[in-house]
Amino acid sequence: MAITIKTPEDIAGLRVAGRLASELLDYLTPFVKPGVTTKELDELAYDYTVNVQKCIPACLGYQPEGMTPYPATTCISVNHVVCHGIPGPKKLKDGDIVNIDVTSIKDGYHGDTSRMFVVGKPTIAGARLAKLAFETMWAGIDAVRPGGCFNDIGVACQAYADKFGISVVRDYGGHGIGKGFHEEPHVNHFPVTRPTPVFEPGMVFTVEPMVNAGRYGVTMLGDGWTVVTRDRSLSAQWEHMVLVTETGYDILTVSRGTPEPPAFVKGWKKPENL
């Protein structure tokens, strides 16, 4: 299937959906603290998505071929959980690192983003990995430019992770996004030897590397969704939606609470009105 080049109307719709998804994470931020359960966070996310933002939670009931429907609004992945953690009765505690991944549908367009949270009093190892995950994502994003190719993202992410002795998960990656939740192409966050598509203005996709403190191997739990590190080391992830422009790229998942990019990023600055 070909990569869809988005029209100006599509881009406007995706920008709204991306902002709303990011604003959902802004809303959840003060609730991420010791003692709260991941289920309580998910219930807050559902209520805000549906009743305040008037959006549809894309994850709730999402069912790829051969899998059971996903049972929640959010994916909340704690410590050694890599991705797709199902919210439940687990209470967060001091030092936990938590990824909250949300996807909201507004007027038919998907907004998909995630952030890391360090709960209460941080551990050195947890805070370090969450920071390095953020920087690894931005290393990949900042490699996007017309005329380059998708492998540039993987090369940049892997090189940054290697500098700090962390590993990049290979079983999961980013994806095109638009009116479809998961569109072409698949976006690897590590280098591949095969040819990859060339960036063209109007392409929209996610950059969302998952990095582990230990080895990159992962395994899925019996619930059919939750993915954990095989060696039970910590894992962390950040995610943005990226638009290829005529001169570089833009970020579509932006709100007041969006962190500024690292100092090494040259291709994007957070808008001054946010």
Protein backbone atom coordinates (compact mmCIF):
# COMPACT_ATOMS: atom_id res chain seq x y z
CA MET A 1 0.00 0.00 0.00
CA ALA A 2 1.32 3.45 -0.93
CA ILE A 3 2.09 6.19 1.57
CA THR A 4 -0.68 8.78 1.55
CA ILE A 5 0.37 12.39 0.95
CA LYS A 6 -1.89 14.53 3.11
CA THR A 7 -3.82 17.47 1.68
CA PRO A 8 -3.88 20.86 3.43
CA GLU A 9 -7.32 19.91 4.75
CA ASP A 10 -5.95 16.63 6.11
CA ILE A 11 -3.03 18.40 7.76
CA ALA A 12 -5.35 20.90 9.44
CA GLY A 13 -7.49 18.05 10.77
CA LEU A 14 -4.48 16.10 11.99
CA ARG A 15 -3.09 19.19 13.69
CA VAL A 16 -6.33 19.59 15.67
CA ALA A 17 -6.45 15.89 16.59
CA GLY A 18 -2.79 15.93 17.58
CA ARG A 19 -3.24 18.99 19.76
CA LEU A 20 -6.22 17.41 21.52
CA ALA A 21 -4.29 14.21 22.20
CA SER A 22 -1.44 16.27 23.65
CA GLU A 23 -3.88 18.32 25.74
CA LEU A 24 -5.25 15.06 27.14
CA LEU A 25 -1.77 14.28 28.46
CA ASP A 26 -1.58 17.82 29.87
CA TYR A 27 -4.82 17.12 31.72
CA LEU A 28 -3.60 13.79 33.12
CA THR A 29 -0.23 15.09 34.29
CA PRO A 30 -1.20 16.29 37.81
CA PHE A 31 -2.96 12.98 38.51
CA VAL A 32 0.17 10.88 37.88
CA LYS A 33 1.36 10.53 41.47
CA PRO A 34 1.95 7.86 44.11
CA GLY A 35 -1.19 5.94 45.09
CA VAL A 36 -3.21 6.44 41.92
CA THR A 37 -4.09 3.30 39.97
CA THR A 38 -3.57 3.03 36.25
CA LYS A 39 -7.27 2.22 35.93
CA GLU A 40 -8.16 5.51 37.63
CA LEU A 41 -5.94 7.37 35.16
CA ASP A 42 -7.65 5.58 32.29
CA GLU A 43 -11.10 6.50 33.59
CA LEU A 44 -10.03 10.14 33.81
CA ALA A 45 -8.75 9.94 30.24
CA TYR A 46 -11.99 8.44 28.94
CA ASP A 47 -14.14 11.07 30.62
CA TYR A 48 -12.00 13.96 29.37
CA THR A 49 -11.73 12.57 25.84
CA VAL A 50 -15.43 11.89 25.40
CA ASN A 51 -17.18 14.47 27.54
CA VAL A 52 -14.83 17.47 27.40
CA GLN A 53 -12.96 17.15 24.12
CA LYS A 54 -15.84 15.45 22.26
CA CYS A 55 -13.37 12.99 20.74
CA ILE A 56 -13.43 9.25 20.21
CA PRO A 57 -10.79 7.18 22.08
CA ALA A 58 -9.19 5.23 19.24
CA CYS A 59 -7.63 2.52 21.39
CA LEU A 60 -10.86 1.46 23.10
CA GLY A 61 -12.09 -1.61 21.23
CA TYR A 62 -9.27 -1.45 18.68
CA GLN A 63 -8.77 -4.94 17.27
CA PRO A 64 -5.97 -5.79 14.86
CA GLU A 65 -6.41 -9.04 12.98
CA GLY A 66 -5.88 -12.05 15.22
CA MET A 67 -6.01 -10.09 18.48
CA THR A 68 -8.64 -9.44 21.11
CA PRO A 69 -10.19 -5.94 21.30
CA TYR A 70 -8.10 -3.53 23.37
CA PRO A 71 -10.11 -2.86 26.56
CA ALA A 72 -9.10 0.69 27.52
CA THR A 73 -8.77 4.31 26.40
CA THR A 74 -5.05 4.53 27.16
CA CYS A 75 -1.98 2.33 27.14
CA ILE A 76 -0.17 2.79 30.45
CA SER A 77 3.20 1.07 30.63
CA VAL A 78 5.05 1.02 33.95
CA ASN A 79 8.76 0.28 34.53
CA HIS A 80 9.64 -2.91 32.58
CA VAL A 81 6.46 -2.75 30.48
CA VAL A 82 7.52 -1.65 27.01
CA CYS A 83 4.15 -0.82 25.46
CA HIS A 84 0.42 -1.57 25.37
CA GLY A 85 0.10 -1.89 29.14
CA ILE A 86 -3.57 -2.43 30.02
CA PRO A 87 -4.73 -0.13 32.85
CA GLY A 88 -5.78 -1.95 36.00
CA PRO A 89 -5.60 -1.95 39.81
CA LYS A 90 -1.83 -1.38 39.99
CA LYS A 91 -1.01 1.60 42.21
CA LEU A 92 1.83 3.85 41.16
CA LYS A 93 4.63 4.36 43.67
CA ASP A 94 7.65 6.62 44.16
CA GLY A 95 10.27 6.04 41.50
CA ASP A 96 8.03 4.36 38.93
CA ILE A 97 8.50 5.44 35.34
CA VAL A 98 5.27 5.50 33.38
CA ASN A 99 4.45 5.90 29.71
CA ILE A 100 0.92 7.08 28.89
CA ASP A 101 0.04 6.61 25.22
CA VAL A 102 -3.18 8.13 23.89
CA THR A 103 -4.88 8.30 20.51
CA SER A 104 -7.92 10.50 19.96
CA ILE A 105 -10.14 10.75 16.89
CA LYS A 106 -11.58 14.17 16.03
CA ASP A 107 -13.66 14.67 12.89
CA GLY A 108 -12.24 11.45 11.46
CA TYR A 109 -8.57 12.29 12.06
CA HIS A 110 -6.26 10.53 14.54
CA GLY A 111 -4.00 12.24 17.06
CA ASP A 112 -1.43 9.87 18.60
CA THR A 113 1.17 10.80 21.21
CA SER A 114 2.81 9.57 24.40
CA ARG A 115 4.91 10.91 27.25
CA MET A 116 6.97 9.56 30.09
CA PHE A 117 6.22 10.44 33.71
CA VAL A 118 8.51 9.89 36.69
CA VAL A 119 6.34 9.28 39.75
CA GLY A 120 7.05 11.04 43.04
CA LYS A 121 10.67 10.77 44.18
CA PRO A 122 12.65 9.61 41.12
CA THR A 123 15.34 6.98 40.97
CA ILE A 124 18.53 7.92 39.15
CA ALA A 125 18.15 5.02 36.72
CA GLY A 126 14.49 5.71 35.97
CA ALA A 127 14.89 9.44 35.46
CA ARG A 128 17.93 8.85 33.24
CA LEU A 129 16.14 6.38 30.98
CA ALA A 130 13.05 8.60 30.64
CA LYS A 131 15.30 11.50 29.62
CA LEU A 132 17.27 9.40 27.15
CA ALA A 133 14.05 8.10 25.59
CA PHE A 134 12.96 11.69 25.00
CA GLU A 135 16.28 12.58 23.45
CA THR A 136 16.35 9.44 21.30
CA MET A 137 12.92 10.32 19.89
CA TRP A 138 14.13 13.82 19.06
CA ALA A 139 17.31 12.51 17.45
CA GLY A 140 15.10 10.53 15.08
CA ILE A 141 12.70 13.39 14.42
CA ASP A 142 15.50 15.83 13.70
CA ALA A 143 16.76 13.53 10.93
CA VAL A 144 13.58 14.16 8.89
CA ARG A 145 13.97 16.34 5.80
CA PRO A 146 12.75 16.19 2.20
CA GLY A 147 15.03 14.05 0.08
CA GLY A 148 16.13 11.92 3.01
CA CYS A 149 14.63 8.52 3.70
CA PHE A 150 12.93 6.73 6.56
CA ASN A 151 16.09 4.80 7.39
CA ASP A 152 17.60 8.12 8.48
CA ILE A 153 15.28 8.01 11.51
CA GLY A 154 16.49 4.56 12.51
CA VAL A 155 20.14 5.46 12.02
CA ALA A 156 19.77 8.56 14.20
CA CYS A 157 17.81 6.83 16.98
CA GLN A 158 20.23 3.90 17.16
CA ALA A 159 23.30 6.13 17.12
CA TYR A 160 21.96 8.23 19.99
CA ALA A 161 20.99 5.19 22.05
CA ASP A 162 24.38 3.59 21.47
CA LYS A 163 26.13 6.67 22.89
CA PHE A 164 24.50 6.03 26.25
CA GLY A 165 24.50 2.23 26.38
CA ILE A 166 20.77 1.70 26.01
CA SER A 167 19.00 -0.50 23.46
CA VAL A 168 16.29 0.23 20.89
CA VAL A 169 13.32 -2.17 20.69
CA ARG A 170 13.04 -3.77 17.26
CA ASP A 171 9.67 -5.51 17.42
CA TYR A 172 7.59 -2.32 17.40
CA GLY A 173 7.88 1.00 15.61
CA GLY A 174 6.16 4.10 14.35
CA HIS A 175 3.60 4.29 11.58
CA GLY A 176 1.84 6.51 9.13
CA ILE A 177 -1.31 8.11 10.50
CA GLY A 178 -4.27 10.07 9.21
CA LYS A 179 -7.87 8.98 8.88
CA GLY A 180 -6.46 5.54 9.55
CA PHE A 181 -4.90 4.71 12.93
CA HIS A 182 -2.01 2.72 11.45
CA GLU A 183 -1.14 3.63 7.87
CA GLU A 184 1.93 3.06 5.72
CA PRO A 185 4.82 3.16 6.27
CA HIS A 186 6.12 1.22 9.24
CA VAL A 187 8.82 3.37 10.86
CA ASN A 188 11.82 1.50 12.26
CA HIS A 189 13.87 3.14 14.98
CA PHE A 190 16.99 1.15 14.11
CA PRO A 191 18.93 0.93 10.83
CA VAL A 192 17.85 -1.50 8.12
CA THR A 193 19.75 -2.61 5.03
CA ARG A 194 16.80 -2.62 2.62
CA PRO A 195 15.72 0.54 0.77
CA THR A 196 13.18 2.70 2.61
CA PRO A 197 10.79 5.33 1.21
CA VAL A 198 12.02 8.85 0.56
CA PHE A 199 10.51 11.65 2.65
CA GLU A 200 8.04 13.82 0.74
CA PRO A 201 6.20 16.94 1.93
CA GLY A 202 2.75 16.00 3.20
CA MET A 203 3.73 12.68 4.76
CA VAL A 204 2.58 12.28 8.37
CA PHE A 205 3.84 9.54 10.68
CA THR A 206 4.81 8.85 14.28
CA VAL A 207 8.30 8.67 15.71
CA GLU A 208 8.13 6.67 18.94
CA PRO A 209 11.28 4.71 19.84
CA MET A 210 11.06 2.40 22.82
CA VAL A 211 14.40 2.13 24.60
CA ASN A 212 15.46 -0.37 27.23
CA ALA A 213 18.06 -0.08 29.95
CA GLY A 214 19.06 -3.66 29.18
CA ARG A 215 18.77 -5.72 26.01
CA TYR A 216 16.25 -4.97 23.28
CA GLY A 217 14.43 -8.31 23.47
CA VAL A 218 10.75 -8.20 24.46
CA THR A 219 7.96 -10.66 25.09
CA MET A 220 4.16 -10.45 25.24
CA LEU A 221 2.20 -11.42 28.34
CA GLY A 222 -0.76 -13.76 28.38
CA ASP A 223 -3.31 -10.95 28.07
CA GLY A 224 -2.33 -10.71 24.40
CA TRP A 225 -1.42 -7.02 24.61
CA THR A 226 1.10 -6.13 27.32
CA VAL A 227 4.71 -6.20 26.07
CA VAL A 228 7.57 -6.39 28.60
CA THR A 229 11.35 -6.45 28.42
CA ARG A 230 12.59 -10.02 28.28
CA ASP A 231 15.28 -9.31 30.87
CA ARG A 232 12.87 -7.23 33.01
CA SER A 233 15.01 -4.12 32.62
CA LEU A 234 13.37 -0.69 32.60
CA SER A 235 11.85 0.61 29.35
CA ALA A 236 10.81 4.10 28.26
CA GLN A 237 9.19 5.77 25.26
CA TRP A 238 8.04 9.14 23.93
CA GLU A 239 5.98 9.74 20.80
CA HIS A 240 5.19 12.62 18.46
CA MET A 241 3.34 12.90 15.15
CA VAL A 242 5.62 14.37 12.49
CA LEU A 243 4.70 16.19 9.26
CA VAL A 244 7.26 16.43 6.46
CA THR A 245 7.31 20.00 5.13
CA GLU A 246 8.99 21.64 2.14
CA THR A 247 12.00 22.59 4.26
CA GLY A 248 12.05 20.04 7.08
CA TYR A 249 9.36 18.91 9.47
CA ASP A 250 6.71 20.07 11.91
CA ILE A 251 5.27 18.48 15.06
CA LEU A 252 1.49 18.00 15.10
CA THR A 253 1.12 16.77 18.70
CA VAL A 254 1.77 20.07 20.46
CA SER A 255 0.08 21.78 23.43
CA ARG A 256 1.03 23.99 26.36
CA GLY A 257 2.42 21.02 28.28
CA THR A 258 4.61 19.75 25.45
CA PRO A 259 8.24 19.79 26.63
CA GLU A 260 10.73 21.88 24.70
CA PRO A 261 13.03 19.80 22.48
CA PRO A 262 16.62 19.11 23.58
CA ALA A 263 19.24 21.74 22.84
CA PHE A 264 20.74 19.69 20.01
CA VAL A 265 17.54 19.88 17.95
CA LYS A 266 17.88 22.37 15.09
CA GLY A 267 14.79 21.71 13.00
CA TRP A 268 11.93 22.73 15.32
CA LYS A 269 11.05 25.09 18.15
CA LYS A 270 7.88 25.05 20.20
CA PRO A 271 5.50 27.81 19.04
CA GLU A 272 5.74 30.91 21.23
CA ASN A 273 1.96 31.07 21.72
CA LEU A 274 1.99 27.78 23.64
